[in-house]
Amino acid sequence: MSATVILGVIGSDAHAVGITILEQALSTAGFEVVNLGVQSSQQEFISAAQAHEGDAVLVSSLYGHAEQDCRGFHEAIEEADIDPITYIGGNLAVGQDDFEETRDCFREMGFDRVFDSETKPTEAIAALKADMNIAESEAERARLTT
């Protein structure tokens, strides 16, 4: 597999543990990963997707201000004339009571998939493979689920 994933924490958020775990899981699953780290701007995600021919952009946010940080993100992606799959996950809204409302908000913003902070890396990887039409071998499926 040679799919490239751009990964990072957007805005002023400095939570690094989740993307470190996700980076390791994605690499183990065979993805090329470009980890932007924390406090990444929209433009850094876009520039990395252009420079590395990113197939997917995975945005993380845990401090609850993702809606603010992601406003205009998909319009900027479109202006850059790229079309990666886009995912966002984490604790996306302060006082998030109903995740379905949060999911709907980010889907309306243009994200292909929206995950809460309880999502396991294997779930995100399976979704990514499905969205990219990447078939898993039986051995890989067994390794990822154990």
Protein backbone atom coordinates (compact mmCIF):
# COMPACT_ATOMS: atom_id res chain seq x y z
CA MET A 1 0.00 0.00 0.00
CA SER A 2 1.29 3.47 -0.75
CA ALA A 3 -1.51 5.71 0.51
CA THR A 4 -0.28 8.86 2.24
CA VAL A 5 -2.04 10.30 5.27
CA ILE A 6 -1.48 13.80 6.61
CA LEU A 7 -2.08 13.86 10.37
CA GLY A 8 -2.05 16.68 12.90
CA VAL A 9 -3.72 18.61 15.69
CA ILE A 10 -5.38 21.79 14.45
CA GLY A 11 -5.44 25.28 15.92
CA SER A 12 -4.04 26.11 19.34
CA ASP A 13 -4.55 22.57 20.62
CA ALA A 14 -1.40 21.01 22.07
CA HIS A 15 -2.65 17.45 22.77
CA ALA A 16 -0.14 15.06 21.19
CA VAL A 17 -0.81 11.61 22.68
CA GLY A 18 -3.73 10.71 20.40
CA ILE A 19 -1.98 11.55 17.15
CA THR A 20 1.15 9.73 18.29
CA ILE A 21 -0.89 6.57 18.87
CA LEU A 22 -2.74 7.07 15.58
CA GLU A 23 0.52 7.64 13.70
CA GLN A 24 1.92 4.33 14.98
CA ALA A 25 -1.30 2.46 14.17
CA LEU A 26 -1.50 3.93 10.67
CA SER A 27 2.15 3.13 9.96
CA THR A 28 1.68 -0.44 11.20
CA ALA A 29 -1.35 -0.74 8.90
CA GLY A 30 0.85 0.19 5.94
CA PHE A 31 0.11 3.88 5.43
CA GLU A 32 2.76 6.50 4.78
CA VAL A 33 2.17 9.07 7.54
CA VAL A 34 3.17 12.72 7.62
CA ASN A 35 2.63 13.89 11.21
CA LEU A 36 2.43 17.68 11.47
CA GLY A 37 2.32 17.53 15.25
CA VAL A 38 0.35 19.94 17.40
CA GLN A 39 -0.87 23.49 16.87
CA SER A 40 -1.06 23.08 13.10
CA SER A 41 -2.80 25.61 10.90
CA GLN A 42 -5.20 24.85 8.09
CA GLN A 43 -2.55 25.99 5.63
CA GLU A 44 0.01 23.56 7.09
CA PHE A 45 -2.41 20.67 6.46
CA ILE A 46 -3.04 21.89 2.91
CA SER A 47 0.64 22.50 2.14
CA ALA A 48 1.57 19.04 3.43
CA ALA A 49 -1.21 17.42 1.39
CA GLN A 50 0.12 19.17 -1.71
CA ALA A 51 3.81 18.46 -1.02
CA HIS A 52 3.30 14.79 -0.14
CA GLU A 53 0.39 14.11 -2.50
CA GLY A 54 -1.73 13.23 0.51
CA ASP A 55 -4.61 10.88 -0.10
CA ALA A 56 -6.21 11.72 3.25
CA VAL A 57 -6.06 14.47 5.85
CA LEU A 58 -6.81 13.47 9.44
CA VAL A 59 -7.47 16.38 11.78
CA SER A 60 -7.41 15.93 15.54
CA SER A 61 -8.70 18.31 18.19
CA LEU A 62 -9.25 17.69 21.89
CA TYR A 63 -9.65 21.13 23.39
CA GLY A 64 -13.20 21.64 22.12
CA HIS A 65 -12.72 24.46 19.61
CA ALA A 66 -12.54 22.45 16.39
CA GLU A 67 -15.52 24.15 14.77
CA GLN A 68 -13.79 27.52 15.08
CA ASP A 69 -10.44 26.10 13.91
CA CYS A 70 -11.96 24.33 10.90
CA ARG A 71 -14.18 27.10 9.51
CA GLY A 72 -13.30 27.57 5.85
CA PHE A 73 -10.99 24.53 5.78
CA HIS A 74 -12.75 22.74 2.94
CA GLU A 75 -13.07 25.93 0.93
CA ALA A 76 -9.29 26.39 1.28
CA ILE A 77 -8.73 22.77 0.22
CA GLU A 78 -10.88 23.36 -2.84
CA GLU A 79 -8.99 26.57 -3.68
CA ALA A 80 -5.74 24.60 -3.46
CA ASP A 81 -7.16 22.26 -6.11
CA ILE A 82 -6.66 19.10 -4.08
CA ASP A 83 -9.24 16.51 -3.07
CA PRO A 84 -8.09 14.38 -0.14
CA ILE A 85 -10.42 12.36 2.03
CA THR A 86 -10.89 14.36 5.24
CA TYR A 87 -11.53 13.03 8.72
CA ILE A 88 -11.78 14.82 12.04
CA GLY A 89 -11.85 13.32 15.49
CA GLY A 90 -11.53 14.00 19.18
CA ASN A 91 -13.37 16.14 21.69
CA LEU A 92 -14.61 18.54 19.05
CA ALA A 93 -16.98 20.80 21.01
CA VAL A 94 -16.96 22.28 24.49
CA GLY A 95 -19.82 20.79 26.49
CA GLN A 96 -20.52 18.26 23.76
CA ASP A 97 -23.74 16.57 24.92
CA ASP A 98 -25.08 15.13 21.69
CA PHE A 99 -22.34 13.81 19.44
CA GLU A 100 -24.80 13.32 16.56
CA GLU A 101 -25.27 17.11 16.41
CA THR A 102 -21.51 17.58 16.45
CA ARG A 103 -21.10 14.95 13.72
CA ASP A 104 -23.73 16.69 11.59
CA CYS A 105 -22.01 20.05 12.03
CA PHE A 106 -18.66 18.75 10.79
CA ARG A 107 -20.21 16.73 7.97
CA GLU A 108 -21.89 19.96 6.83
CA MET A 109 -18.47 21.62 6.95
CA GLY A 110 -17.26 18.99 4.45
CA PHE A 111 -15.55 16.29 6.52
CA ASP A 112 -16.03 12.80 5.11
CA ARG A 113 -16.02 11.19 8.55
CA VAL A 114 -16.29 12.51 12.09
CA PHE A 115 -15.14 10.54 15.13
CA ASP A 116 -15.56 11.10 18.84
CA SER A 117 -12.75 10.84 21.38
CA GLU A 118 -13.66 7.22 22.17
CA THR A 119 -12.95 5.94 18.66
CA LYS A 120 -10.27 3.26 18.50
CA PRO A 121 -7.50 3.62 15.91
CA THR A 122 -8.57 0.33 14.31
CA GLU A 123 -12.03 1.82 13.61
CA ALA A 124 -10.53 4.87 11.90
CA ILE A 125 -8.13 2.68 9.90
CA ALA A 126 -10.94 0.38 8.76
CA ALA A 127 -12.98 3.42 7.68
CA LEU A 128 -10.00 4.88 5.84
CA LYS A 129 -9.35 1.63 4.01
CA ALA A 130 -13.02 1.37 3.08
CA ASP A 131 -13.10 4.95 1.82
CA MET A 132 -9.90 4.41 -0.18
CA ASN A 133 -11.00 1.00 -1.49
CA ILE A 134 -7.98 -0.71 0.07
CA ALA A 135 -8.59 -4.41 0.64
CA GLU A 136 -7.28 -5.98 3.81
CA SER A 137 -5.74 -9.41 3.80
CA GLU A 138 -7.05 -11.96 6.30
CA ALA A 139 -3.73 -11.87 8.17
CA GLU A 140 -3.82 -8.08 8.43
CA ARG A 141 -7.44 -8.11 9.60
CA ALA A 142 -6.54 -10.64 12.33
CA ARG A 143 -3.53 -8.59 13.43
CA LEU A 144 -5.55 -5.34 13.64
CA THR A 145 -8.37 -6.87 15.64
CA THR A 146 -6.26 -8.65 18.28
